[in-house]
Amino acid sequence: MQIISEALKAIRARSGITQTAVAELAGISRPNYAHIEAGRRQATDAQIVGIAEALVVPLSAIATIEVAA
């Protein structure tokens, strides 16, 4: 999976939740979350799941999901 940083930022902004709150709910540091949201760092699959759960959105809203051939 790979984060779609533009979608992540837009969803978080629309929800009115801070980066700090998303990071805490997802179990990651705020600086790490900020790097993920800005596209400067790749998130692990577990972090992506945690972020989606924190934002209460399906994985497909914030990440591309690759299917093995």
Protein backbone atom coordinates (compact mmCIF):
# COMPACT_ATOMS: atom_id res chain seq x y z
CA MET A 1 0.00 0.00 0.00
CA GLN A 2 1.06 3.54 -0.60
CA ILE A 3 -0.37 6.74 0.90
CA ILE A 4 -2.02 9.29 -1.37
CA SER A 5 -0.72 12.35 0.49
CA GLU A 6 -3.05 14.86 -1.21
CA ALA A 7 -6.09 12.81 -0.28
CA LEU A 8 -4.82 12.29 3.25
CA LYS A 9 -4.32 16.00 3.83
CA ALA A 10 -7.71 16.92 2.34
CA ILE A 11 -9.60 14.33 4.39
CA ARG A 12 -7.88 15.39 7.60
CA ALA A 13 -8.56 19.08 6.90
CA ARG A 14 -12.24 18.42 6.13
CA SER A 15 -12.65 16.43 9.32
CA GLY A 16 -11.22 19.27 11.40
CA ILE A 17 -8.83 16.94 13.22
CA THR A 18 -5.25 17.99 13.92
CA GLN A 19 -2.13 16.16 12.82
CA THR A 20 -1.39 15.55 16.48
CA ALA A 21 -4.77 13.89 17.04
CA VAL A 22 -4.46 11.66 13.97
CA ALA A 23 -0.94 10.66 14.97
CA GLU A 24 -2.00 9.82 18.53
CA LEU A 25 -4.98 7.76 17.34
CA ALA A 26 -2.81 5.98 14.77
CA GLY A 27 -0.06 5.28 17.30
CA ILE A 28 2.70 7.23 15.54
CA SER A 29 4.59 10.42 16.34
CA ARG A 30 3.27 13.74 15.04
CA PRO A 31 6.51 14.52 13.16
CA ASN A 32 6.38 11.12 11.45
CA TYR A 33 2.73 11.68 10.54
CA ALA A 34 3.56 15.14 9.16
CA HIS A 35 6.25 13.61 6.92
CA ILE A 36 3.81 10.95 5.71
CA GLU A 37 1.11 13.55 4.98
CA ALA A 38 3.61 15.71 3.09
CA GLY A 39 4.77 12.75 1.01
CA ARG A 40 8.33 12.92 2.37
CA ARG A 41 8.14 9.51 4.06
CA GLN A 42 6.40 6.26 3.18
CA ALA A 43 4.10 4.77 5.78
CA THR A 44 4.12 1.12 6.72
CA ASP A 45 1.01 -0.91 6.01
CA ALA A 46 0.23 -0.91 9.74
CA GLN A 47 0.56 2.88 9.90
CA ILE A 48 -1.74 3.28 6.89
CA VAL A 49 -4.36 1.10 8.57
CA GLY A 50 -4.02 3.10 11.78
CA ILE A 51 -4.36 6.41 9.96
CA ALA A 52 -7.46 5.22 8.09
CA GLU A 53 -8.99 4.07 11.37
CA ALA A 54 -8.11 7.38 13.04
CA LEU A 55 -9.80 9.31 10.21
CA VAL A 56 -12.70 6.81 10.03
CA VAL A 57 -12.30 6.28 6.29
CA PRO A 58 -11.78 3.18 4.16
CA LEU A 59 -8.20 2.36 3.18
CA SER A 60 -9.01 3.11 -0.45
CA ALA A 61 -9.69 6.75 0.46
CA ILE A 62 -6.08 7.39 1.49
CA ALA A 63 -4.00 4.64 -0.10
CA THR A 64 -3.40 2.76 -3.29
CA ILE A 65 -3.74 -0.94 -2.79
CA GLU A 66 -1.60 -3.10 -5.05
CA VAL A 67 -2.84 -6.55 -5.94
CA ALA A 68 -0.22 -9.20 -6.59
CA ALA A 69 -0.50 -10.87 -9.97
